[in-house]
N, C-alpha and C. Protein backbone atom coordinates (compact mmCIF):
# COMPACT_ATOMS: atom_id res chain seq x y z
N MET A 1 68.01 46.62 23.67
CA MET A 1 69.31 46.28 24.16
C MET A 1 69.18 45.06 25.05
N ALA A 2 70.06 44.10 24.85
CA ALA A 2 70.05 42.88 25.66
C ALA A 2 70.54 43.18 27.07
N SER A 3 70.09 42.38 28.00
CA SER A 3 70.58 42.54 29.37
C SER A 3 71.02 41.17 29.87
N HIS A 4 71.89 41.19 30.85
CA HIS A 4 72.43 39.96 31.43
C HIS A 4 72.41 40.08 32.93
N GLN A 5 72.15 38.98 33.57
CA GLN A 5 72.15 38.95 35.03
C GLN A 5 73.52 38.47 35.48
N ILE A 6 74.11 39.17 36.44
CA ILE A 6 75.39 38.76 37.00
C ILE A 6 75.26 38.68 38.52
N SER A 7 76.13 37.91 39.13
CA SER A 7 76.15 37.81 40.59
C SER A 7 77.39 38.52 41.10
N ILE A 8 77.21 39.30 42.15
CA ILE A 8 78.34 39.94 42.81
C ILE A 8 78.20 39.72 44.30
N ARG A 9 79.33 39.73 44.97
CA ARG A 9 79.31 39.56 46.42
C ARG A 9 78.63 40.76 47.06
N ASP A 10 78.06 40.54 48.23
CA ASP A 10 77.35 41.60 48.93
C ASP A 10 78.26 42.79 49.23
N ASN A 11 79.52 42.52 49.60
CA ASN A 11 80.42 43.64 49.91
C ASN A 11 80.69 44.50 48.67
N VAL A 12 80.74 43.88 47.50
CA VAL A 12 80.93 44.63 46.25
C VAL A 12 79.67 45.45 45.95
N TYR A 13 78.51 44.84 46.14
CA TYR A 13 77.25 45.56 45.94
C TYR A 13 77.19 46.80 46.84
N GLN A 14 77.58 46.63 48.10
CA GLN A 14 77.53 47.75 49.04
C GLN A 14 78.47 48.88 48.61
N LYS A 15 79.63 48.52 48.07
CA LYS A 15 80.57 49.55 47.59
C LYS A 15 80.00 50.28 46.38
N LEU A 16 79.40 49.52 45.46
CA LEU A 16 78.79 50.15 44.28
C LEU A 16 77.64 51.05 44.69
N LYS A 17 76.84 50.58 45.62
CA LYS A 17 75.70 51.35 46.11
C LYS A 17 76.16 52.67 46.73
N LYS A 18 77.30 52.63 47.41
CA LYS A 18 77.83 53.82 48.08
C LYS A 18 78.23 54.92 47.08
N ILE A 19 78.73 54.53 45.89
CA ILE A 19 79.16 55.53 44.92
C ILE A 19 78.12 55.79 43.83
N LYS A 20 76.99 55.09 43.92
CA LYS A 20 75.92 55.26 42.94
C LYS A 20 75.36 56.67 43.01
N GLN A 21 75.26 57.31 41.87
CA GLN A 21 74.68 58.65 41.80
C GLN A 21 73.18 58.56 41.56
N GLU A 22 72.48 59.64 41.89
CA GLU A 22 71.03 59.67 41.69
C GLU A 22 70.71 59.42 40.22
N ASN A 23 69.69 58.64 39.94
CA ASN A 23 69.24 58.30 38.59
C ASN A 23 70.30 57.54 37.77
N GLU A 24 71.21 56.86 38.44
CA GLU A 24 72.24 56.08 37.76
C GLU A 24 71.97 54.60 38.00
N SER A 25 72.01 53.81 36.95
CA SER A 25 71.83 52.36 37.10
C SER A 25 73.17 51.72 37.48
N TYR A 26 73.11 50.47 37.91
CA TYR A 26 74.35 49.78 38.23
C TYR A 26 75.17 49.53 36.96
N SER A 27 74.52 49.35 35.84
CA SER A 27 75.24 49.25 34.56
C SER A 27 75.99 50.56 34.28
N ASP A 28 75.34 51.67 34.58
CA ASP A 28 75.98 52.98 34.39
C ASP A 28 77.22 53.11 35.27
N ILE A 29 77.12 52.65 36.52
CA ILE A 29 78.26 52.73 37.44
C ILE A 29 79.43 51.91 36.88
N ILE A 30 79.15 50.68 36.50
CA ILE A 30 80.20 49.80 36.00
C ILE A 30 80.83 50.39 34.75
N GLU A 31 80.00 50.90 33.86
CA GLU A 31 80.51 51.51 32.64
C GLU A 31 81.38 52.73 32.98
N ARG A 32 80.93 53.53 33.92
CA ARG A 32 81.70 54.71 34.32
C ARG A 32 83.04 54.31 34.92
N LEU A 33 83.04 53.29 35.75
CA LEU A 33 84.28 52.86 36.39
C LEU A 33 85.25 52.22 35.40
N LEU A 34 84.74 51.57 34.37
CA LEU A 34 85.59 50.95 33.37
C LEU A 34 86.06 51.92 32.31
N SER A 35 85.37 53.02 32.17
CA SER A 35 85.70 54.00 31.15
C SER A 35 87.00 54.72 31.48
N SER A 36 87.68 55.16 30.45
CA SER A 36 88.92 55.91 30.68
C SER A 36 88.63 57.26 31.32
N LYS A 37 87.36 57.64 31.34
CA LYS A 37 86.97 58.90 31.96
C LYS A 37 86.42 58.69 33.37
N GLY A 38 86.58 57.47 33.89
CA GLY A 38 86.07 57.15 35.22
C GLY A 38 86.64 58.08 36.28
N ASN A 39 85.89 58.32 37.30
CA ASN A 39 86.29 59.22 38.36
C ASN A 39 87.25 58.50 39.31
N VAL A 40 88.48 58.98 39.36
CA VAL A 40 89.50 58.37 40.20
C VAL A 40 89.08 58.39 41.67
N GLU A 41 88.44 59.46 42.09
CA GLU A 41 88.01 59.55 43.49
C GLU A 41 86.98 58.46 43.81
N ASP A 42 86.08 58.15 42.86
CA ASP A 42 85.13 57.06 43.08
C ASP A 42 85.86 55.74 43.26
N LEU A 43 86.87 55.50 42.42
CA LEU A 43 87.61 54.25 42.51
C LEU A 43 88.40 54.17 43.81
N LYS A 44 88.99 55.27 44.22
CA LYS A 44 89.72 55.27 45.48
C LYS A 44 88.78 54.97 46.64
N GLU A 45 87.59 55.54 46.61
CA GLU A 45 86.62 55.27 47.65
C GLU A 45 86.17 53.80 47.60
N LEU A 46 85.97 53.30 46.39
CA LEU A 46 85.54 51.92 46.21
C LEU A 46 86.55 50.95 46.82
N TYR A 47 87.83 51.25 46.68
CA TYR A 47 88.88 50.38 47.19
C TYR A 47 89.40 50.79 48.56
N GLY A 48 88.83 51.85 49.14
CA GLY A 48 89.23 52.27 50.47
C GLY A 48 90.62 52.90 50.51
N ILE A 49 91.01 53.57 49.45
CA ILE A 49 92.33 54.19 49.36
C ILE A 49 92.19 55.68 49.62
N SER A 50 93.07 56.20 50.48
CA SER A 50 93.02 57.64 50.74
C SER A 50 94.39 58.15 51.13
N GLY A 51 94.57 59.45 51.03
CA GLY A 51 95.78 60.12 51.49
C GLY A 51 97.06 59.52 50.96
N GLU A 52 97.96 59.17 51.87
CA GLU A 52 99.27 58.66 51.50
C GLU A 52 99.20 57.32 50.78
N ASP A 53 98.11 56.59 50.95
CA ASP A 53 97.96 55.29 50.31
C ASP A 53 97.79 55.40 48.80
N ASP A 54 97.47 56.58 48.28
CA ASP A 54 97.15 56.69 46.86
C ASP A 54 98.35 56.97 45.97
N LEU A 55 99.56 56.93 46.51
CA LEU A 55 100.75 57.14 45.69
C LEU A 55 100.83 56.09 44.59
N GLY A 56 100.91 56.52 43.35
CA GLY A 56 100.99 55.60 42.23
C GLY A 56 99.66 55.02 41.82
N PHE A 57 98.59 55.39 42.49
CA PHE A 57 97.28 54.81 42.18
C PHE A 57 96.87 55.06 40.74
N GLN A 58 97.08 56.29 40.25
CA GLN A 58 96.69 56.62 38.88
C GLN A 58 97.44 55.77 37.86
N ASP A 59 98.73 55.54 38.09
CA ASP A 59 99.51 54.70 37.17
C ASP A 59 98.99 53.27 37.15
N ILE A 60 98.72 52.74 38.33
CA ILE A 60 98.19 51.38 38.43
C ILE A 60 96.82 51.31 37.77
N LEU A 61 96.01 52.32 38.00
CA LEU A 61 94.67 52.38 37.42
C LEU A 61 94.74 52.40 35.89
N ASP A 62 95.59 53.26 35.34
CA ASP A 62 95.73 53.35 33.88
C ASP A 62 96.18 52.03 33.28
N SER A 63 97.15 51.40 33.90
CA SER A 63 97.66 50.12 33.40
C SER A 63 96.58 49.04 33.47
N SER A 64 95.88 48.98 34.60
CA SER A 64 94.83 47.98 34.77
C SER A 64 93.68 48.21 33.79
N ARG A 65 93.32 49.47 33.59
CA ARG A 65 92.23 49.80 32.68
C ARG A 65 92.55 49.33 31.26
N LYS A 66 93.79 49.55 30.83
CA LYS A 66 94.21 49.13 29.49
C LYS A 66 94.13 47.61 29.36
N GLU A 67 94.59 46.90 30.39
CA GLU A 67 94.54 45.44 30.38
C GLU A 67 93.09 44.95 30.32
N ILE A 68 92.22 45.57 31.07
CA ILE A 68 90.80 45.17 31.08
C ILE A 68 90.17 45.44 29.72
N GLN A 69 90.46 46.59 29.14
CA GLN A 69 89.88 46.92 27.83
C GLN A 69 90.33 45.92 26.77
N ILE A 70 91.61 45.55 26.79
CA ILE A 70 92.13 44.56 25.83
C ILE A 70 91.46 43.22 26.05
N ALA A 71 91.35 42.80 27.31
CA ALA A 71 90.73 41.51 27.62
C ALA A 71 89.26 41.48 27.18
N LEU A 72 88.53 42.57 27.42
CA LEU A 72 87.12 42.62 27.01
C LEU A 72 86.99 42.60 25.49
N LYS A 73 87.85 43.34 24.80
CA LYS A 73 87.80 43.34 23.34
C LYS A 73 88.08 41.94 22.79
N ASN A 74 89.07 41.26 23.36
CA ASN A 74 89.39 39.91 22.93
C ASN A 74 88.27 38.93 23.26
N ARG A 75 87.73 39.05 24.45
CA ARG A 75 86.68 38.12 24.91
C ARG A 75 85.41 38.24 24.07
N PHE A 76 85.05 39.46 23.71
CA PHE A 76 83.80 39.68 23.00
C PHE A 76 84.01 40.08 21.54
N ASN A 77 85.22 39.85 21.04
CA ASN A 77 85.55 40.14 19.63
C ASN A 77 85.13 41.55 19.21
N LEU A 78 85.56 42.52 19.98
CA LEU A 78 85.19 43.91 19.74
C LEU A 78 86.32 44.69 19.07
N ASN A 79 86.89 44.13 18.06
CA ASN A 79 88.04 44.79 17.40
C ASN A 79 87.64 45.90 16.51
């Protein structure tokens, strides 16, 4: 399997590190977060959303996830 090096800001790395599970790679985290089965609680923690702030979060997440999936399919010709 090919691998690619990407750069992320330190604050993003720290957030990913915080939700990283034991024996999980950073590729695994990103894949989990992008997947339709991603853990909403992980994403809320990643973005610092809690309690009353999370109203409508799932709707926004679903819409954003669909847009990202379409963009990735188009970008990498994954039809």
